[in-house]
Amino acid sequence: MSQQLTFDDLAAAQNERTVTTIAKVLTVDVARIAVRVTEFWRTVSIRGEDECWPWTGYLNEDGYGDSSSPARCTARTNSP
């Protein structure tokens, strides 16, 4: 399947093989997202709800926090 699959596709599936295929793809995507979220939060110093939560990971040349994925997607943090 070359198209992007969603949970709506899973609900609309007409046979068991299609359901199994879609469920496997969605499970892999959810697992990848969970890994990236976990990696991101490991580089944040979580403090009180009214305090700054500083970035403890890599800082680029401009002083911004960078968390790059293998696909070259980048999440940037607020300015220092």
C-alpha atoms as a PDB file:
ATOM      1  CA  MET A   1       0.000   0.000   0.000  1.00  0.00           C
ATOM      2  CA  SER A   2       1.604   3.249  -1.110  1.00  0.00           C
ATOM      3  CA  GLN A   3      -0.932   5.725   0.248  1.00  0.00           C
ATOM      4  CA  GLN A   4      -0.874   7.158   3.760  1.00  0.00           C
ATOM      5  CA  LEU A   5      -3.065   4.978   5.987  1.00  0.00           C
ATOM      6  CA  THR A   6      -5.288   6.220   8.804  1.00  0.00           C
ATOM      7  CA  PHE A   7      -7.516   4.715  11.483  1.00  0.00           C
ATOM      8  CA  ASP A   8     -10.482   5.497   9.188  1.00  0.00           C
ATOM      9  CA  ASP A   9      -9.016   3.035   6.680  1.00  0.00           C
ATOM     10  CA  LEU A  10      -8.887   0.406   9.399  1.00  0.00           C
ATOM     11  CA  ALA A  11     -12.576   0.898  10.213  1.00  0.00           C
ATOM     12  CA  ALA A  12     -13.551   0.719   6.532  1.00  0.00           C
ATOM     13  CA  ALA A  13     -11.522  -2.404   5.726  1.00  0.00           C
ATOM     14  CA  GLN A  14     -13.575  -5.178   4.129  1.00  0.00           C
ATOM     15  CA  ASN A  15     -11.456  -8.243   4.895  1.00  0.00           C
ATOM     16  CA  GLU A  16      -9.185  -9.641   7.576  1.00  0.00           C
ATOM     17  CA  ARG A  17      -6.008  -9.416   5.480  1.00  0.00           C
ATOM     18  CA  THR A  18      -6.557  -5.711   4.836  1.00  0.00           C
ATOM     19  CA  VAL A  19      -7.284  -5.109   8.533  1.00  0.00           C
ATOM     20  CA  THR A  20      -4.068  -6.907   9.528  1.00  0.00           C
ATOM     21  CA  THR A  21      -1.966  -4.980   6.996  1.00  0.00           C
ATOM     22  CA  ILE A  22      -3.354  -1.581   8.008  1.00  0.00           C
ATOM     23  CA  ALA A  23      -3.032  -2.367  11.723  1.00  0.00           C
ATOM     24  CA  LYS A  24       0.645  -3.321  11.291  1.00  0.00           C
ATOM     25  CA  VAL A  25       1.436  -0.091   9.442  1.00  0.00           C
ATOM     26  CA  LEU A  26      -0.352   2.054  12.021  1.00  0.00           C
ATOM     27  CA  THR A  27       1.352   0.246  14.913  1.00  0.00           C
ATOM     28  CA  VAL A  28       4.787   0.925  13.414  1.00  0.00           C
ATOM     29  CA  ASP A  29       3.939   4.618  12.903  1.00  0.00           C
ATOM     30  CA  VAL A  30       2.687   4.992  16.483  1.00  0.00           C
ATOM     31  CA  ALA A  31       5.811   3.264  17.816  1.00  0.00           C
ATOM     32  CA  ARG A  32       8.073   5.628  15.832  1.00  0.00           C
ATOM     33  CA  ILE A  33       6.200   8.649  17.159  1.00  0.00           C
ATOM     34  CA  ALA A  34       6.471   7.363  20.732  1.00  0.00           C
ATOM     35  CA  VAL A  35      10.242   6.972  20.369  1.00  0.00           C
ATOM     36  CA  ARG A  36      10.642  10.536  19.025  1.00  0.00           C
ATOM     37  CA  VAL A  37       8.474  12.014  21.803  1.00  0.00           C
ATOM     38  CA  THR A  38      10.469  10.134  24.435  1.00  0.00           C
ATOM     39  CA  GLU A  39      13.758  11.333  22.925  1.00  0.00           C
ATOM     40  CA  PHE A  40      12.496  14.929  22.914  1.00  0.00           C
ATOM     41  CA  TRP A  41      11.390  14.941  26.564  1.00  0.00           C
ATOM     42  CA  ARG A  42      14.713  13.433  27.698  1.00  0.00           C
ATOM     43  CA  THR A  43      16.313  16.732  26.677  1.00  0.00           C
ATOM     44  CA  VAL A  44      13.950  18.954  28.673  1.00  0.00           C
ATOM     45  CA  SER A  45      14.489  19.761  32.343  1.00  0.00           C
ATOM     46  CA  ILE A  46      10.898  19.597  33.639  1.00  0.00           C
ATOM     47  CA  ARG A  47      10.273  21.950  36.523  1.00  0.00           C
ATOM     48  CA  GLY A  48       7.270  23.616  38.180  1.00  0.00           C
ATOM     49  CA  GLU A  49       4.297  24.613  36.023  1.00  0.00           C
ATOM     50  CA  ASP A  50       5.098  28.329  36.355  1.00  0.00           C
ATOM     51  CA  GLU A  51       8.855  27.877  35.751  1.00  0.00           C
ATOM     52  CA  CYS A  52      10.948  27.747  32.595  1.00  0.00           C
ATOM     53  CA  TRP A  53      11.645  24.203  31.338  1.00  0.00           C
ATOM     54  CA  PRO A  54      15.157  24.550  29.916  1.00  0.00           C
ATOM     55  CA  TRP A  55      16.420  22.547  26.965  1.00  0.00           C
ATOM     56  CA  THR A  56      19.359  20.359  27.983  1.00  0.00           C
ATOM     57  CA  GLY A  57      20.108  18.905  24.556  1.00  0.00           C
ATOM     58  CA  TYR A  58      22.148  20.129  21.609  1.00  0.00           C
ATOM     59  CA  LEU A  59      22.196  23.881  20.888  1.00  0.00           C
ATOM     60  CA  ASN A  60      22.874  25.067  17.343  1.00  0.00           C
ATOM     61  CA  GLU A  61      25.180  27.965  16.419  1.00  0.00           C
ATOM     62  CA  ASP A  62      22.347  30.471  17.091  1.00  0.00           C
ATOM     63  CA  GLY A  63      21.714  29.104  20.593  1.00  0.00           C
ATOM     64  CA  TYR A  64      18.470  27.310  19.705  1.00  0.00           C
ATOM     65  CA  GLY A  65      17.791  23.746  20.799  1.00  0.00           C
ATOM     66  CA  ASP A  66      17.701  21.244  17.940  1.00  0.00           C
ATOM     67  CA  SER A  67      16.254  17.754  17.913  1.00  0.00           C
ATOM     68  CA  SER A  68      16.763  16.353  14.425  1.00  0.00           C
ATOM     69  CA  SER A  69      15.308  13.069  13.233  1.00  0.00           C
ATOM     70  CA  PRO A  70      16.972  10.769  10.702  1.00  0.00           C
ATOM     71  CA  ALA A  71      14.503  12.099   8.109  1.00  0.00           C
ATOM     72  CA  ARG A  72      15.982  15.581   8.628  1.00  0.00           C
ATOM     73  CA  CYS A  73      12.853  16.917  10.349  1.00  0.00           C
ATOM     74  CA  THR A  74      13.819  19.392  13.030  1.00  0.00           C
ATOM     75  CA  ALA A  75      12.004  20.538  16.139  1.00  0.00           C
ATOM     76  CA  ARG A  76      13.279  23.899  17.380  1.00  0.00           C
ATOM     77  CA  THR A  77      12.930  25.193  20.881  1.00  0.00           C
ATOM     78  CA  ASN A  78      12.292  28.763  21.992  1.00  0.00           C
ATOM     79  CA  SER A  79      15.121  31.259  21.916  1.00  0.00           C
ATOM     80  CA  PRO A  80      17.690  31.149  24.717  1.00  0.00           C
END
